[in-house]
Protein backbone atom coordinates (compact mmCIF):
# COMPACT_ATOMS: atom_id res chain seq x y z
CA UNK A 1 2.72 -8.65 0.56
CA UNK A 2 2.32 -12.11 2.06
CA UNK A 3 -0.76 -11.26 4.12
CA UNK A 4 -2.64 -9.78 1.17
CA UNK A 5 -1.36 -12.05 -1.59
CA UNK A 6 -2.37 -15.45 -0.32
CA UNK A 7 -6.01 -14.68 0.56
CA UNK A 8 -6.65 -12.84 -2.72
CA UNK A 9 -5.03 -15.53 -4.78
CA UNK A 10 -6.99 -18.29 -3.15
CA UNK A 11 -10.41 -16.70 -3.75
CA UNK A 12 -12.31 -17.50 -6.89
CA UNK A 13 -15.81 -16.72 -8.08
CA UNK A 14 -18.57 -19.08 -9.04
CA UNK A 15 -21.36 -17.76 -11.29
CA UNK A 16 -24.75 -19.18 -10.45
CA UNK A 17 -27.37 -17.16 -12.30
CA UNK A 18 -27.15 -13.57 -11.08
CA UNK A 19 -25.40 -14.39 -7.83
CA UNK A 20 -21.62 -14.69 -7.48
CA UNK A 21 -20.39 -16.87 -4.67
CA UNK A 22 -16.87 -16.50 -3.33
CA UNK A 23 -15.32 -19.77 -2.32
CA UNK A 24 -12.16 -19.81 -0.22
CA UNK A 25 -9.77 -22.53 -1.25
CA UNK A 26 -7.54 -24.03 1.38
CA UNK A 27 -3.94 -23.29 0.45
CA UNK A 28 -1.59 -26.01 1.52
CA UNK A 29 2.11 -25.21 2.04
CA UNK A 30 3.05 -27.12 -1.12
CA UNK A 31 1.01 -24.70 -3.25
CA UNK A 32 2.42 -21.52 -1.67
CA UNK A 33 5.51 -21.25 -3.91
CA UNK A 34 3.29 -21.66 -6.97
CA UNK A 35 0.99 -18.91 -5.67
CA UNK A 36 3.91 -16.54 -5.09
CA UNK A 37 5.31 -17.27 -8.53
CA UNK A 38 1.96 -16.47 -10.11
CA UNK A 39 1.81 -13.21 -8.18
CA UNK A 40 5.34 -12.24 -9.17
CA UNK A 41 4.46 -12.87 -12.81
CA UNK A 42 1.38 -10.63 -12.60
CA UNK A 43 2.54 -7.27 -14.05
CA UNK A 44 -0.41 -5.23 -12.75
CA UNK A 45 0.03 -6.50 -9.20
CA UNK A 46 3.76 -5.78 -9.28
CA UNK A 47 3.26 -2.27 -10.70
CA UNK A 48 0.77 -1.48 -7.94
CA UNK A 49 3.33 -2.68 -5.37
CA UNK A 50 6.06 -0.54 -6.94
CA UNK A 51 3.73 2.45 -7.01
CA UNK A 52 3.10 2.05 -3.28
CA UNK A 53 6.81 1.76 -2.52
CA UNK A 54 7.66 4.90 -4.47
CA UNK A 55 4.76 6.86 -3.01
CA UNK A 56 5.66 5.99 0.56
CA UNK A 57 9.37 6.68 0.02
CA UNK A 58 8.61 10.15 -1.37
CA UNK A 59 6.25 10.97 1.49
CA UNK A 60 8.76 9.68 4.06
CA UNK A 61 11.47 11.95 2.67
CA UNK A 62 9.03 14.84 2.55
CA UNK A 63 7.93 14.35 6.15
CA UNK A 64 11.49 14.13 7.40
CA UNK A 65 12.53 17.59 6.27
CA UNK A 66 9.35 19.67 5.86
CA UNK A 67 9.04 20.81 9.53
CA UNK A 68 12.57 22.21 9.53
CA UNK A 69 11.95 23.90 6.19
CA UNK A 70 8.78 25.52 7.53
CA UNK A 71 10.64 26.69 10.64
CA UNK A 72 13.42 28.37 8.72
CA UNK A 73 11.45 29.82 5.79
CA UNK A 74 8.36 31.06 7.63
CA UNK A 75 9.86 31.53 11.13
CA UNK A 76 7.20 29.54 12.96
CA UNK A 77 7.68 27.52 16.17
CA UNK A 78 8.71 23.87 16.01
CA UNK A 79 5.41 22.45 17.28
CA UNK A 80 3.38 24.49 14.82
CA UNK A 81 5.61 23.39 11.95
CA UNK A 82 5.13 19.76 12.94
CA UNK A 83 1.35 20.22 13.03
CA UNK A 84 1.40 21.76 9.54
CA UNK A 85 3.57 18.89 8.26
CA UNK A 86 1.12 16.37 9.75
CA UNK A 87 -1.84 18.07 8.10
CA UNK A 88 0.02 18.18 4.78
CA UNK A 89 0.84 14.48 5.04
CA UNK A 90 -2.83 13.66 5.61
CA UNK A 91 -3.76 15.64 2.52
CA UNK A 92 -1.06 13.98 0.41
CA UNK A 93 -1.77 10.42 1.51
CA UNK A 94 -5.52 10.92 1.25
């Protein structure tokens, strides 16, 4: 969260006619707590973070047990079941 939060928070746009210029503000250590507080108060940013946490926890649980399930239910070798689980994880994660 730290590596994505600080750069995005310190960018702002400047409208000059039809062109938008991005200007990077230098963030001094005194302003960091204020930046984090603003990010923690942003409900959309926090919901996106929670969505990522839940998505990755579901996929992690799925990937832990799916090869063994494929082995027992479809009687396929271990390596083949792992390959199928890897392909499924790529499809799920997009």
